[in-house]
Amino acid sequence: MEAVVKRSRDWLLLAVVAAIPRVINLGSESLWYDEAYTAWLAKLPSFERLFGAIKGDVHPPLWYTLEWVNARILGTSEFALRLPSAIAGIVLVLLVYKLALVLKFERRTALATGLLVAVLPSALYYSQEARVYSLFTCFALLALIGAITEHWLVFYVGCVGLVYGQNIGVLYVFALGSMLLVHKLALTRNIKAIFPPALTLLLVVITWLPW
């Protein structure tokens, strides 16, 4: 019970420490070129026009769709457009903490790792930008945690987020999936052991094919 309480405090501490530098001055800077393109898409009056514009872009639709929905809830100010990235940046810190625990590091080590990421300059930078990068990193960590814990639904969600977040996500899924299958086969020397991750990867491909 004491361990659960300590971890709960860790989650809360990390969320607060991560949130403060990400939310402060979130809307103070003007939108730069790529952010302005996100804002233009978010202001399109209908989803049909949004999807038509996305089809002409090099990036998959997840981030633009999220921002389009976000604009209808919070508006299109700098703060509103960057808020999803800030939230993703907070979640990223928590996922780093979770990954450290999954890798069997001590709780204090996991907490220290999370705190370092909470104030890491590059993580802060991308958490205050109306682009997909913080969310993309969250999906990468989610897929990795799912692979390590063999929680295939988590792995699936992480992989789908990767391929629909950025085109380069396909490479991430290929690399992680290949290593996972080879590791499972080398560890068990049983072809049946690779069925769950292989089927999950197949579902990811099927989900990605419409794009």
Foldseek 3Di string as FASTA:
>chain_A
DVVVVVVVVLLVVLLVLLLVLQLVCLQVDDADDVLVVLLVLLPDPDVVVSVVVVVVDQAFCPLSVVSNVQCVVPNRGSSSLLQVLSVLLSLLLVLQLVVCVLVVDDNVVSSVSSSCSSPPVVSSVRSSHNALVSVLSSLLSQLVSCLSVVVLVSVLSSLLCQVRRGVCSVVSCVVVLVVSQVVQCVVPVDNVSCVSSVVSVVVSCVSNVVD
